[in-house]
């Protein structure tokens, strides 16, 4: 908690939520081009990275909300945490939709093995 009563985790989650919203605005659905599937896989790897950022943002905001509740509710701290969760939740829903769409259309067993190898 800083001197304003806002948890550092809430601020970090809020900033990560802003990054994920900006990344969503910059994201375009990949088109098949001369580079073929390599370009599509690279864009979906970036999509997976931004999805992880949004999950971290939600976790940090929830920790910040818990710290704010524990130290006594401060309106500024609660607002930072809730707005951070909203900023992070919207891109997470959109990212997961694109990711599931990709798995259902392009995905094969080798693609799933590729995703698992990235996660491990």
PDB file of N, CA and C in Angstrom:
ATOM      1  N   UNK A   1       0.838  -1.180   0.000  1.00  0.00           N
ATOM      2  CA  UNK A   1       0.000   0.000   0.000  1.00  0.00           C
ATOM      3  C   UNK A   1       0.886   1.246   0.000  1.00  0.00           C
ATOM      4  N   UNK A   2       0.540   2.176  -0.867  1.00  0.00           N
ATOM      5  CA  UNK A   2       1.295   3.424  -0.853  1.00  0.00           C
ATOM      6  C   UNK A   2       0.557   4.451   0.007  1.00  0.00           C
ATOM      7  N   UNK A   3       1.050   5.667   0.048  1.00  0.00           N
ATOM      8  CA  UNK A   3       0.471   6.666   0.950  1.00  0.00           C
ATOM      9  C   UNK A   3      -0.943   7.094   0.560  1.00  0.00           C
ATOM     10  N   UNK A   4      -1.355   6.858  -0.690  1.00  0.00           N
ATOM     11  CA  UNK A   4      -2.705   7.216  -1.117  1.00  0.00           C
ATOM     12  C   UNK A   4      -3.735   6.138  -0.789  1.00  0.00           C
ATOM     13  N   UNK A   5      -3.292   5.012  -0.250  1.00  0.00           N
ATOM     14  CA  UNK A   5      -4.201   3.930   0.086  1.00  0.00           C
ATOM     15  C   UNK A   5      -4.496   3.000  -1.079  1.00  0.00           C
ATOM     16  N   UNK A   6      -3.704   3.112  -2.140  1.00  0.00           N
ATOM     17  CA  UNK A   6      -3.888   2.251  -3.305  1.00  0.00           C
ATOM     18  C   UNK A   6      -2.805   1.177  -3.273  1.00  0.00           C
ATOM     19  N   UNK A   7      -3.221  -0.078  -3.398  1.00  0.00           N
ATOM     20  CA  UNK A   7      -2.268  -1.180  -3.373  1.00  0.00           C
ATOM     21  C   UNK A   7      -1.386  -1.145  -4.614  1.00  0.00           C
ATOM     22  N   UNK A   8      -0.125  -1.492  -4.442  1.00  0.00           N
ATOM     23  CA  UNK A   8       0.798  -1.540  -5.578  1.00  0.00           C
ATOM     24  C   UNK A   8       0.381  -2.632  -6.559  1.00  0.00           C
ATOM     25  N   UNK A   9      -0.224  -3.700  -6.032  1.00  0.00           N
ATOM     26  CA  UNK A   9      -0.718  -4.758  -6.910  1.00  0.00           C
ATOM     27  C   UNK A   9      -1.870  -4.252  -7.777  1.00  0.00           C
ATOM     28  N   UNK A  10      -2.732  -3.401  -7.206  1.00  0.00           N
ATOM     29  CA  UNK A  10      -3.835  -2.827  -7.989  1.00  0.00           C
ATOM     30  C   UNK A  10      -3.307  -1.957  -9.117  1.00  0.00           C
ATOM     31  N   UNK A  11      -2.303  -1.150  -8.812  1.00  0.00           N
ATOM     32  CA  UNK A  11      -1.722  -0.279  -9.832  1.00  0.00           C
ATOM     33  C   UNK A  11      -1.060  -1.112 -10.931  1.00  0.00           C
ATOM     34  N   UNK A  12      -0.307  -2.157 -10.539  1.00  0.00           N
ATOM     35  CA  UNK A  12       0.331  -3.026 -11.520  1.00  0.00           C
ATOM     36  C   UNK A  12      -0.714  -3.734 -12.378  1.00  0.00           C
ATOM     37  N   UNK A  13      -1.777  -4.235 -11.761  1.00  0.00           N
ATOM     38  CA  UNK A  13      -2.854  -4.871 -12.514  1.00  0.00           C
ATOM     39  C   UNK A  13      -3.547  -3.897 -13.447  1.00  0.00           C
ATOM     40  N   UNK A  14      -3.736  -2.650 -12.990  1.00  0.00           N
ATOM     41  CA  UNK A  14      -4.357  -1.618 -13.817  1.00  0.00           C
ATOM     42  C   UNK A  14      -3.504  -1.332 -15.050  1.00  0.00           C
ATOM     43  N   UNK A  15      -2.190  -1.204 -14.846  1.00  0.00           N
ATOM     44  CA  UNK A  15      -1.274  -0.930 -15.961  1.00  0.00           C
ATOM     45  C   UNK A  15      -1.261  -2.104 -16.943  1.00  0.00           C
ATOM     46  N   UNK A  16      -1.205  -3.326 -16.429  1.00  0.00           N
ATOM     47  CA  UNK A  16      -1.243  -4.492 -17.315  1.00  0.00           C
ATOM     48  C   UNK A  16      -2.576  -4.572 -18.064  1.00  0.00           C
ATOM     49  N   UNK A  17      -3.665  -4.176 -17.404  1.00  0.00           N
ATOM     50  CA  UNK A  17      -4.962  -4.126 -18.080  1.00  0.00           C
ATOM     51  C   UNK A  17      -4.964  -3.119 -19.224  1.00  0.00           C
ATOM     52  N   UNK A  18      -4.335  -1.967 -18.994  1.00  0.00           N
ATOM     53  CA  UNK A  18      -4.212  -0.971 -20.070  1.00  0.00           C
ATOM     54  C   UNK A  18      -3.394  -1.520 -21.230  1.00  0.00           C
ATOM     55  N   UNK A  19      -2.304  -2.218 -20.912  1.00  0.00           N
ATOM     56  CA  UNK A  19      -1.476  -2.810 -21.972  1.00  0.00           C
ATOM     57  C   UNK A  19      -2.281  -3.814 -22.775  1.00  0.00           C
ATOM     58  N   UNK A  20      -3.084  -4.622 -22.091  1.00  0.00           N
ATOM     59  CA  UNK A  20      -3.863  -5.629 -22.809  1.00  0.00           C
ATOM     60  C   UNK A  20      -4.948  -4.992 -23.673  1.00  0.00           C
ATOM     61  N   UNK A  21      -5.565  -3.901 -23.203  1.00  0.00           N
ATOM     62  CA  UNK A  21      -6.566  -3.198 -24.028  1.00  0.00           C
ATOM     63  C   UNK A  21      -5.894  -2.599 -25.257  1.00  0.00           C
ATOM     64  N   UNK A  22      -4.734  -1.969 -25.084  1.00  0.00           N
ATOM     65  CA  UNK A  22      -4.018  -1.380 -26.221  1.00  0.00           C
ATOM     66  C   UNK A  22      -3.609  -2.462 -27.207  1.00  0.00           C
ATOM     67  N   UNK A  23      -3.164  -3.604 -26.685  1.00  0.00           N
ATOM     68  CA  UNK A  23      -2.780  -4.695 -27.589  1.00  0.00           C
ATOM     69  C   UNK A  23      -3.984  -5.230 -28.345  1.00  0.00           C
ATOM     70  N   UNK A  24      -5.146  -5.247 -27.712  1.00  0.00           N
ATOM     71  CA  UNK A  24      -6.357  -5.697 -28.396  1.00  0.00           C
ATOM     72  C   UNK A  24      -6.723  -4.733 -29.524  1.00  0.00           C
ATOM     73  N   UNK A  25      -6.561  -3.431 -29.279  1.00  0.00           N
ATOM     74  CA  UNK A  25      -6.872  -2.451 -30.313  1.00  0.00           C
ATOM     75  C   UNK A  25      -5.921  -2.560 -31.499  1.00  0.00           C
ATOM     76  N   UNK A  26      -4.673  -2.985 -31.237  1.00  0.00           N
ATOM     77  CA  UNK A  26      -3.689  -3.117 -32.304  1.00  0.00           C
ATOM     78  C   UNK A  26      -3.776  -4.447 -33.033  1.00  0.00           C
ATOM     79  N   UNK A  27      -4.475  -5.408 -32.425  1.00  0.00           N
ATOM     80  CA  UNK A  27      -4.495  -6.768 -32.972  1.00  0.00           C
ATOM     81  C   UNK A  27      -5.431  -6.853 -34.171  1.00  0.00           C
ATOM     82  N   UNK A  28      -4.969  -7.536 -35.210  1.00  0.00           N
ATOM     83  CA  UNK A  28      -5.801  -7.796 -36.382  1.00  0.00           C
ATOM     84  C   UNK A  28      -5.825  -9.297 -36.601  1.00  0.00           C
ATOM     85  N   UNK A  29      -6.976  -9.809 -37.030  1.00  0.00           N
ATOM     86  CA  UNK A  29      -7.071 -11.237 -37.294  1.00  0.00           C
ATOM     87  C   UNK A  29      -6.127 -11.571 -38.435  1.00  0.00           C
ATOM     88  N   UNK A  30      -5.259 -12.565 -38.245  1.00  0.00           N
ATOM     89  CA  UNK A  30      -4.264 -12.869 -39.281  1.00  0.00           C
ATOM     90  C   UNK A  30      -4.894 -13.385 -40.568  1.00  0.00           C
ATOM     91  N   UNK A  31      -4.375 -12.930 -41.660  1.00  0.00           N
ATOM     92  CA  UNK A  31      -4.810 -13.379 -42.982  1.00  0.00           C
ATOM     93  C   UNK A  31      -3.722 -14.278 -43.559  1.00  0.00           C
ATOM     94  N   UNK A  32      -4.113 -15.234 -44.355  1.00  0.00           N
ATOM     95  CA  UNK A  32      -3.122 -16.073 -45.017  1.00  0.00           C
ATOM     96  C   UNK A  32      -2.440 -15.228 -46.090  1.00  0.00           C
ATOM     97  N   UNK A  33      -1.135 -15.264 -46.073  1.00  0.00           N
ATOM     98  CA  UNK A  33      -0.388 -14.441 -47.022  1.00  0.00           C
ATOM     99  C   UNK A  33       0.722 -15.286 -47.636  1.00  0.00           C
ATOM    100  N   UNK A  34       1.655 -14.609 -48.287  1.00  0.00           N
ATOM    101  CA  UNK A  34       2.772 -15.314 -48.918  1.00  0.00           C
ATOM    102  C   UNK A  34       3.637 -16.020 -47.877  1.00  0.00           C
ATOM    103  N   UNK A  35       3.643 -15.483 -46.653  1.00  0.00           N
ATOM    104  CA  UNK A  35       4.427 -16.128 -45.601  1.00  0.00           C
ATOM    105  C   UNK A  35       3.741 -17.388 -45.079  1.00  0.00           C
ATOM    106  N   UNK A  36       2.467 -17.523 -45.335  1.00  0.00           N
ATOM    107  CA  UNK A  36       1.752 -18.745 -44.985  1.00  0.00           C
ATOM    108  C   UNK A  36       1.501 -18.907 -43.504  1.00  0.00           C
ATOM    109  N   UNK A  37       1.537 -20.155 -43.080  1.00  0.00           N
ATOM    110  CA  UNK A  37       1.136 -20.466 -41.710  1.00  0.00           C
ATOM    111  C   UNK A  37       2.157 -20.026 -40.670  1.00  0.00           C
ATOM    112  N   UNK A  38       3.405 -19.785 -41.045  1.00  0.00           N
ATOM    113  CA  UNK A  38       4.397 -19.336 -40.076  1.00  0.00           C
ATOM    114  C   UNK A  38       3.998 -17.979 -39.492  1.00  0.00           C
ATOM    115  N   UNK A  39       3.539 -17.074 -40.352  1.00  0.00           N
ATOM    116  CA  UNK A  39       3.097 -15.768 -39.890  1.00  0.00           C
ATOM    117  C   UNK A  39       1.871 -15.908 -38.993  1.00  0.00           C
ATOM    118  N   UNK A  40       0.959 -16.794 -39.342  1.00  0.00           N
ATOM    119  CA  UNK A  40      -0.235 -16.993 -38.532  1.00  0.00           C
ATOM    120  C   UNK A  40       0.144 -17.553 -37.166  1.00  0.00           C
ATOM    121  N   UNK A  41       1.042 -18.535 -37.118  1.00  0.00           N
ATOM    122  CA  UNK A  41       1.458 -19.106 -35.837  1.00  0.00           C
ATOM    123  C   UNK A  41       2.150 -18.061 -34.967  1.00  0.00           C
ATOM    124  N   UNK A  42       2.979 -17.194 -35.568  1.00  0.00           N
ATOM    125  CA  UNK A  42       3.657 -16.156 -34.813  1.00  0.00           C
ATOM    126  C   UNK A  42       2.645 -15.193 -34.192  1.00  0.00           C
ATOM    127  N   UNK A  43       1.627 -14.814 -34.953  1.00  0.00           N
ATOM    128  CA  UNK A  43       0.624 -13.900 -34.414  1.00  0.00           C
ATOM    129  C   UNK A  43      -0.154 -14.546 -33.281  1.00  0.00           C
ATOM    130  N   UNK A  44      -0.410 -15.839 -33.378  1.00  0.00           N
ATOM    131  CA  UNK A  44      -1.130 -16.497 -32.304  1.00  0.00           C
ATOM    132  C   UNK A  44      -0.248 -16.743 -31.087  1.00  0.00           C
ATOM    133  N   UNK A  45       1.050 -16.833 -31.279  1.00  0.00           N
ATOM    134  CA  UNK A  45       1.949 -16.896 -30.123  1.00  0.00           C
ATOM    135  C   UNK A  45       1.909 -15.560 -29.383  1.00  0.00           C
ATOM    136  N   UNK A  46       1.914 -14.453 -30.129  1.00  0.00           N
ATOM    137  CA  UNK A  46       1.761 -13.138 -29.503  1.00  0.00           C
ATOM    138  C   UNK A  46       0.423 -13.031 -28.786  1.00  0.00           C
ATOM    139  N   UNK A  47      -0.610 -13.581 -29.394  1.00  0.00           N
ATOM    140  CA  UNK A  47      -1.932 -13.586 -28.785  1.00  0.00           C
ATOM    141  C   UNK A  47      -1.906 -14.326 -27.454  1.00  0.00           C
ATOM    142  N   UNK A  48      -1.205 -15.443 -27.411  1.00  0.00           N
ATOM    143  CA  UNK A  48      -1.077 -16.221 -26.181  1.00  0.00           C
ATOM    144  C   UNK A  48      -0.316 -15.426 -25.115  1.00  0.00           C
ATOM    145  N   UNK A  49       0.714 -14.705 -25.522  1.00  0.00           N
ATOM    146  CA  UNK A  49       1.479 -13.886 -24.577  1.00  0.00           C
ATOM    147  C   UNK A  49       0.594 -12.789 -23.980  1.00  0.00           C
ATOM    148  N   UNK A  50      -0.192 -12.115 -24.814  1.00  0.00           N
ATOM    149  CA  UNK A  50      -1.073 -11.066 -24.287  1.00  0.00           C
ATOM    150  C   UNK A  50      -2.184 -11.657 -23.423  1.00  0.00           C
ATOM    151  N   UNK A  51      -2.611 -12.872 -23.719  1.00  0.00           N
ATOM    152  CA  UNK A  51      -3.599 -13.540 -22.879  1.00  0.00           C
ATOM    153  C   UNK A  51      -3.008 -13.790 -21.495  1.00  0.00           C
ATOM    154  N   UNK A  52      -1.746 -14.207 -21.437  1.00  0.00           N
ATOM    155  CA  UNK A  52      -1.081 -14.430 -20.146  1.00  0.00           C
ATOM    156  C   UNK A  52      -0.963 -13.111 -19.389  1.00  0.00           C
ATOM    157  N   UNK A  53      -0.677 -12.016 -20.096  1.00  0.00           N
ATOM    158  CA  UNK A  53      -0.601 -10.694 -19.458  1.00  0.00           C
ATOM    159  C   UNK A  53      -1.940 -10.329 -18.829  1.00  0.00           C
ATOM    160  N   UNK A  54      -3.039 -10.615 -19.529  1.00  0.00           N
ATOM    161  CA  UNK A  54      -4.347 -10.272 -18.972  1.00  0.00           C
ATOM    162  C   UNK A  54      -4.672 -11.111 -17.742  1.00  0.00           C
ATOM    163  N   UNK A  55      -4.277 -12.382 -17.755  1.00  0.00           N
ATOM    164  CA  UNK A  55      -4.509 -13.225 -16.584  1.00  0.00           C
ATOM    165  C   UNK A  55      -3.716 -12.685 -15.393  1.00  0.00           C
ATOM    166  N   UNK A  56      -2.464 -12.293 -15.622  1.00  0.00           N
ATOM    167  CA  UNK A  56      -1.653 -11.707 -14.553  1.00  0.00           C
ATOM    168  C   UNK A  56      -2.285 -10.413 -14.040  1.00  0.00           C
ATOM    169  N   UNK A  57      -2.833  -9.610 -14.942  1.00  0.00           N
ATOM    170  CA  UNK A  57      -3.482  -8.368 -14.549  1.00  0.00           C
ATOM    171  C   UNK A  57      -4.654  -8.636 -13.620  1.00  0.00           C
ATOM    172  N   UNK A  58      -5.471  -9.621 -13.965  1.00  0.00           N
ATOM    173  CA  UNK A  58      -6.621  -9.949 -13.117  1.00  0.00           C
ATOM    174  C   UNK A  58      -6.152 -10.446 -11.747  1.00  0.00           C
ATOM    175  N   UNK A  59      -5.125 -11.281 -11.728  1.00  0.00           N
ATOM    176  CA  UNK A  59      -4.605 -11.801 -10.460  1.00  0.00           C
ATOM    177  C   UNK A  59      -4.066 -10.662  -9.593  1.00  0.00           C
ATOM    178  N   UNK A  60      -3.278  -9.758 -10.191  1.00  0.00           N
ATOM    179  CA  UNK A  60      -2.732  -8.639  -9.429  1.00  0.00           C
ATOM    180  C   UNK A  60      -3.838  -7.740  -8.886  1.00  0.00           C
ATOM    181  N   UNK A  61      -4.863  -7.491  -9.688  1.00  0.00           N
ATOM    182  CA  UNK A  61      -5.967  -6.641  -9.220  1.00  0.00           C
ATOM    183  C   UNK A  61      -6.726  -7.308  -8.077  1.00  0.00           C
ATOM    184  N   UNK A  62      -6.917  -8.616  -8.150  1.00  0.00           N
ATOM    185  CA  UNK A  62      -7.598  -9.318  -7.063  1.00  0.00           C
ATOM    186  C   UNK A  62      -6.772  -9.287  -5.781  1.00  0.00           C
ATOM    187  N   UNK A  63      -5.444  -9.443  -5.905  1.00  0.00           N
ATOM    188  CA  UNK A  63      -4.575  -9.329  -4.727  1.00  0.00           C
ATOM    189  C   UNK A  63      -4.667  -7.916  -4.154  1.00  0.00           C
ATOM    190  N   UNK A  64      -4.635  -6.910  -5.030  1.00  0.00           N
ATOM    191  CA  UNK A  64      -4.752  -5.518  -4.584  1.00  0.00           C
ATOM    192  C   UNK A  64      -6.080  -5.236  -3.917  1.00  0.00           C
ATOM    193  N   UNK A  65      -7.155  -5.814  -4.449  1.00  0.00           N
ATOM    194  CA  UNK A  65      -8.477  -5.632  -3.846  1.00  0.00           C
ATOM    195  C   UNK A  65      -8.516  -6.272  -2.459  1.00  0.00           C
ATOM    196  N   UNK A  66      -7.898  -7.448  -2.324  1.00  0.00           N
ATOM    197  CA  UNK A  66      -7.841  -8.112  -1.021  1.00  0.00           C
ATOM    198  C   UNK A  66      -7.032  -7.277  -0.029  1.00  0.00           C
ATOM    199  N   UNK A  67      -5.888  -6.728  -0.478  1.00  0.00           N
ATOM    200  CA  UNK A  67      -5.074  -5.890   0.411  1.00  0.00           C
ATOM    201  C   UNK A  67      -5.828  -4.633   0.822  1.00  0.00           C
ATOM    202  N   UNK A  68      -6.580  -4.051  -0.112  1.00  0.00           N
ATOM    203  CA  UNK A  68      -7.353  -2.857   0.199  1.00  0.00           C
ATOM    204  C   UNK A  68      -8.432  -3.180   1.236  1.00  0.00           C
ATOM    205  N   UNK A  69      -9.068  -4.321   1.070  1.00  0.00           N
ATOM    206  CA  UNK A  69     -10.100  -4.735   2.022  1.00  0.00           C
ATOM    207  C   UNK A  69      -9.492  -5.006   3.395  1.00  0.00           C
ATOM    208  N   UNK A  70      -8.320  -5.628   3.394  1.00  0.00           N
ATOM    209  CA  UNK A  70      -7.653  -6.000   4.629  1.00  0.00           C
ATOM    210  C   UNK A  70      -7.210  -4.768   5.421  1.00  0.00           C
ATOM    211  N   UNK A  71      -6.755  -3.725   4.731  1.00  0.00           N
ATOM    212  CA  UNK A  71      -6.246  -2.516   5.404  1.00  0.00           C
ATOM    213  C   UNK A  71      -7.343  -1.488   5.671  1.00  0.00           C
ATOM    214  N   UNK A  72      -8.560  -1.786   5.297  1.00  0.00           N
ATOM    215  CA  UNK A  72      -9.644  -0.824   5.429  1.00  0.00           C
ATOM    216  C   UNK A  72      -9.986  -0.284   4.063  1.00  0.00           C
ATOM    217  N   UNK A  73     -11.246  -0.370   3.702  1.00  0.00           N
ATOM    218  CA  UNK A  73     -11.652  -0.011   2.346  1.00  0.00           C
ATOM    219  C   UNK A  73     -11.359   1.453   2.047  1.00  0.00           C
ATOM    220  N   UNK A  74     -10.645   1.667   0.974  1.00  0.00           N
ATOM    221  CA  UNK A  74     -10.346   2.997   0.481  1.00  0.00           C
ATOM    222  C   UNK A  74     -10.936   3.077  -0.919  1.00  0.00           C
ATOM    223  N   UNK A  75     -11.737   4.084  -1.166  1.00  0.00           N
ATOM    224  CA  UNK A  75     -12.451   4.178  -2.439  1.00  0.00           C
ATOM    225  C   UNK A  75     -11.500   4.192  -3.632  1.00  0.00           C
ATOM    226  N   UNK A  76     -10.399   4.908  -3.516  1.00  0.00           N
ATOM    227  CA  UNK A  76      -9.441   4.991  -4.616  1.00  0.00           C
ATOM    228  C   UNK A  76      -8.828   3.624  -4.915  1.00  0.00           C
ATOM    229  N   UNK A  77      -8.488   2.874  -3.862  1.00  0.00           N
ATOM    230  CA  UNK A  77      -7.910   1.546  -4.052  1.00  0.00           C
ATOM    231  C   UNK A  77      -8.891   0.570  -4.671  1.00  0.00           C
ATOM    232  N   UNK A  78     -10.151   0.640  -4.249  1.00  0.00           N
ATOM    233  CA  UNK A  78     -11.187  -0.240  -4.803  1.00  0.00           C
ATOM    234  C   UNK A  78     -11.433   0.091  -6.267  1.00  0.00           C
ATOM    235  N   UNK A  79     -11.468   1.375  -6.600  1.00  0.00           N
ATOM    236  CA  UNK A  79     -11.713   1.782  -7.989  1.00  0.00           C
ATOM    237  C   UNK A  79     -10.573   1.316  -8.893  1.00  0.00           C
ATOM    238  N   UNK A  80      -9.338   1.489  -8.447  1.00  0.00           N
ATOM    239  CA  UNK A  80      -8.191   1.019  -9.245  1.00  0.00           C
ATOM    240  C   UNK A  80      -8.293  -0.477  -9.508  1.00  0.00           C
ATOM    241  N   UNK A  81      -8.611  -1.246  -8.476  1.00  0.00           N
ATOM    242  CA  UNK A  81      -8.670  -2.697  -8.625  1.00  0.00           C
ATOM    243  C   UNK A  81      -9.806  -3.123  -9.545  1.00  0.00           C
ATOM    244  N   UNK A  82     -10.977  -2.550  -9.372  1.00  0.00           N
ATOM    245  CA  UNK A  82     -12.140  -2.951 -10.183  1.00  0.00           C
ATOM    246  C   UNK A  82     -11.969  -2.531 -11.633  1.00  0.00           C
ATOM    247  N   UNK A  83     -11.491  -1.314 -11.873  1.00  0.00           N
ATOM    248  CA  UNK A  83     -11.272  -0.869 -13.256  1.00  0.00           C
ATOM    249  C   UNK A  83     -10.179  -1.708 -13.913  1.00  0.00           C
ATOM    250  N   UNK A  84      -9.146  -2.075 -13.159  1.00  0.00           N
ATOM    251  CA  UNK A  84      -8.103  -2.948 -13.692  1.00  0.00           C
ATOM    252  C   UNK A  84      -8.650  -4.307 -14.090  1.00  0.00           C
ATOM    253  N   UNK A  85      -9.547  -4.858 -13.280  1.00  0.00           N
ATOM    254  CA  UNK A  85     -10.161  -6.146 -13.609  1.00  0.00           C
ATOM    255  C   UNK A  85     -11.007  -6.026 -14.863  1.00  0.00           C
ATOM    256  N   UNK A  86     -11.765  -4.952 -14.984  1.00  0.00           N
ATOM    257  CA  UNK A  86     -12.597  -4.755 -16.184  1.00  0.00           C
ATOM    258  C   UNK A  86     -11.721  -4.583 -17.421  1.00  0.00           C
ATOM    259  N   UNK A  87     -10.660  -3.789 -17.303  1.00  0.00           N
ATOM    260  CA  UNK A  87      -9.747  -3.596 -18.437  1.00  0.00           C
ATOM    261  C   UNK A  87      -9.120  -4.911 -18.874  1.00  0.00           C
ATOM    262  N   UNK A  88      -8.806  -5.767 -17.930  1.00  0.00           N
ATOM    263  CA  UNK A  88      -8.155  -7.030 -18.260  1.00  0.00           C
ATOM    264  C   UNK A  88      -9.146  -8.093 -18.721  1.00  0.00           C
ATOM    265  N   UNK A  89     -10.366  -8.060 -18.209  1.00  0.00           N
ATOM    266  CA  UNK A  89     -11.324  -9.122 -18.515  1.00  0.00           C
ATOM    267  C   UNK A  89     -11.812  -9.064 -19.959  1.00  0.00           C
ATOM    268  N   UNK A  90     -12.046  -7.876 -20.474  1.00  0.00           N
ATOM    269  CA  UNK A  90     -12.569  -7.771 -21.837  1.00  0.00           C
ATOM    270  C   UNK A  90     -11.599  -8.348 -22.874  1.00  0.00           C
ATOM    271  N   UNK A  91     -10.319  -7.961 -22.867  1.00  0.00           N
ATOM    272  CA  UNK A  91      -9.404  -8.583 -23.833  1.00  0.00           C
ATOM    273  C   UNK A  91      -9.237 -10.089 -23.612  1.00  0.00           C
ATOM    274  N   UNK A  92      -9.295 -10.528 -22.350  1.00  0.00           N
ATOM    275  CA  UNK A  92      -9.139 -11.959 -22.085  1.00  0.00           C
ATOM    276  C   UNK A  92     -10.258 -12.751 -22.745  1.00  0.00           C
ATOM    277  N   UNK A  93     -11.460 -12.226 -22.708  1.00  0.00           N
ATOM    278  CA  UNK A  93     -12.592 -12.910 -23.348  1.00  0.00           C
ATOM    279  C   UNK A  93     -12.395 -12.927 -24.857  1.00  0.00           C
ATOM    280  N   UNK A  94     -11.991 -11.796 -25.423  1.00  0.00           N
ATOM    281  CA  UNK A  94     -11.791 -11.725 -26.874  1.00  0.00           C
ATOM    282  C   UNK A  94     -10.632 -12.623 -27.306  1.00  0.00           C
ATOM    283  N   UNK A  95      -9.512 -12.590 -26.547  1.00  0.00           N
ATOM    284  CA  UNK A  95      -8.370 -13.428 -26.887  1.00  0.00           C
ATOM    285  C   UNK A  95      -8.737 -14.904 -26.859  1.00  0.00           C
ATOM    286  N   UNK A  96      -9.455 -15.309 -25.824  1.00  0.00           N
ATOM    287  CA  UNK A  96      -9.806 -16.725 -25.726  1.00  0.00           C
ATOM    288  C   UNK A  96     -10.742 -17.123 -26.862  1.00  0.00           C
ATOM    289  N   UNK A  97     -11.616 -16.215 -27.297  1.00  0.00           N
ATOM    290  CA  UNK A  97     -12.476 -16.505 -28.444  1.00  0.00           C
ATOM    291  C   UNK A  97     -11.636 -16.733 -29.699  1.00  0.00           C
ATOM    292  N   UNK A  98     -10.669 -15.835 -29.964  1.00  0.00           N
ATOM    293  CA  UNK A  98      -9.807 -15.995 -31.140  1.00  0.00           C
ATOM    294  C   UNK A  98      -8.980 -17.274 -31.051  1.00  0.00           C
ATOM    295  N   UNK A  99      -8.476 -17.557 -29.845  1.00  0.00           N
ATOM    296  CA  UNK A  99      -7.640 -18.737 -29.664  1.00  0.00           C
ATOM    297  C   UNK A  99      -8.446 -20.017 -29.884  1.00  0.00           C
ATOM    298  N   UNK A 100      -9.669 -20.065 -29.347  1.00  0.00           N
ATOM    299  CA  UNK A 100     -10.515 -21.240 -29.563  1.00  0.00           C
ATOM    300  C   UNK A 100     -10.940 -21.353 -31.022  1.00  0.00           C
ATOM    301  N   UNK A 101     -11.175 -20.218 -31.662  1.00  0.00           N
ATOM    302  CA  UNK A 101     -11.513 -20.227 -33.081  1.00  0.00           C
ATOM    303  C   UNK A 101     -10.354 -20.790 -33.895  1.00  0.00           C
ATOM    304  N   UNK A 102      -9.129 -20.397 -33.547  1.00  0.00           N
ATOM    305  CA  UNK A 102      -7.954 -20.897 -34.260  1.00  0.00           C
ATOM    306  C   UNK A 102      -7.795 -22.399 -34.065  1.00  0.00           C
ATOM    307  N   UNK A 103      -7.973 -22.865 -32.825  1.00  0.00           N
ATOM    308  CA  UNK A 103      -7.835 -24.293 -32.560  1.00  0.00           C
ATOM    309  C   UNK A 103      -8.903 -25.085 -33.316  1.00  0.00           C
ATOM    310  N   UNK A 104     -10.114 -24.533 -33.415  1.00  0.00           N
ATOM    311  CA  UNK A 104     -11.184 -25.280 -34.079  1.00  0.00           C
ATOM    312  C   UNK A 104     -11.036 -25.283 -35.600  1.00  0.00           C
ATOM    313  N   UNK A 105     -10.401 -24.266 -36.172  1.00  0.00           N
ATOM    314  CA  UNK A 105     -10.284 -24.215 -37.632  1.00  0.00           C
ATOM    315  C   UNK A 105      -8.949 -24.740 -38.141  1.00  0.00           C
ATOM    316  N   UNK A 106      -7.857 -24.303 -37.540  1.00  0.00           N
ATOM    317  CA  UNK A 106      -6.528 -24.665 -38.015  1.00  0.00           C
ATOM    318  C   UNK A 106      -5.961 -25.826 -37.202  1.00  0.00           C
ATOM    319  N   UNK A 107      -6.456 -25.959 -35.984  1.00  0.00           N
ATOM    320  CA  UNK A 107      -5.845 -26.875 -35.039  1.00  0.00           C
ATOM    321  C   UNK A 107      -5.923 -28.342 -35.443  1.00  0.00           C
ATOM    322  N   UNK A 108      -4.824 -29.001 -35.281  1.00  0.00           N
ATOM    323  CA  UNK A 108      -4.738 -30.443 -35.454  1.00  0.00           C
ATOM    324  C   UNK A 108      -4.008 -30.983 -34.244  1.00  0.00           C
ATOM    325  N   UNK A 109      -3.746 -32.260 -34.240  1.00  0.00           N
ATOM    326  CA  UNK A 109      -3.024 -32.840 -33.116  1.00  0.00           C
ATOM    327  C   UNK A 109      -1.629 -32.223 -32.997  1.00  0.00           C
ATOM    328  N   UNK A 110      -0.971 -31.996 -34.115  1.00  0.00           N
ATOM    329  CA  UNK A 110       0.366 -31.403 -34.063  1.00  0.00           C
ATOM    330  C   UNK A 110       0.312 -29.967 -33.539  1.00  0.00           C
ATOM    331  N   UNK A 111      -0.755 -29.255 -33.853  1.00  0.00           N
ATOM    332  CA  UNK A 111      -0.905 -27.893 -33.344  1.00  0.00           C
ATOM    333  C   UNK A 111      -1.068 -27.909 -31.834  1.00  0.00           C
ATOM    334  N   UNK A 112      -1.868 -28.824 -31.324  1.00  0.00           N
ATOM    335  CA  UNK A 112      -2.040 -28.918 -29.880  1.00  0.00           C
ATOM    336  C   UNK A 112      -0.728 -29.303 -29.197  1.00  0.00           C
ATOM    337  N   UNK A 113       0.037 -30.192 -29.810  1.00  0.00           N
ATOM    338  CA  UNK A 113       1.350 -30.532 -29.262  1.00  0.00           C
ATOM    339  C   UNK A 113       2.268 -29.319 -29.279  1.00  0.00           C
ATOM    340  N   UNK A 114       2.174 -28.503 -30.327  1.00  0.00           N
ATOM    341  CA  UNK A 114       2.967 -27.279 -30.433  1.00  0.00           C
ATOM    342  C   UNK A 114       2.610 -26.321 -29.296  1.00  0.00           C
ATOM    343  N   UNK A 115       1.325 -26.167 -29.022  1.00  0.00           N
ATOM    344  CA  UNK A 115       0.880 -25.274 -27.949  1.00  0.00           C
ATOM    345  C   UNK A 115       1.354 -25.795 -26.596  1.00  0.00           C
ATOM    346  N   UNK A 116       1.238 -27.087 -26.382  1.00  0.00           N
ATOM    347  CA  UNK A 116       1.682 -27.668 -25.120  1.00  0.00           C
ATOM    348  C   UNK A 116       3.187 -27.490 -24.942  1.00  0.00           C
ATOM    349  N   UNK A 117       3.949 -27.639 -26.032  1.00  0.00           N
ATOM    350  CA  UNK A 117       5.397 -27.457 -25.929  1.00  0.00           C
ATOM    351  C   UNK A 117       5.750 -26.008 -25.596  1.00  0.00           C
ATOM    352  N   UNK A 118       4.956 -25.049 -26.072  1.00  0.00           N
ATOM    353  CA  UNK A 118       5.193 -23.640 -25.733  1.00  0.00           C
ATOM    354  C   UNK A 118       4.915 -23.412 -24.247  1.00  0.00           C
ATOM    355  N   UNK A 119       3.825 -24.005 -23.761  1.00  0.00           N
ATOM    356  CA  UNK A 119       3.441 -23.791 -22.367  1.00  0.00           C
ATOM    357  C   UNK A 119       4.406 -24.459 -21.396  1.00  0.00           C
ATOM    358  N   UNK A 120       5.041 -25.543 -21.824  1.00  0.00           N
ATOM    359  CA  UNK A 120       5.991 -26.226 -20.939  1.00  0.00           C
ATOM    360  C   UNK A 120       7.355 -25.675 -21.191  1.00  0.00           C
TER     361      UNK A 120
END
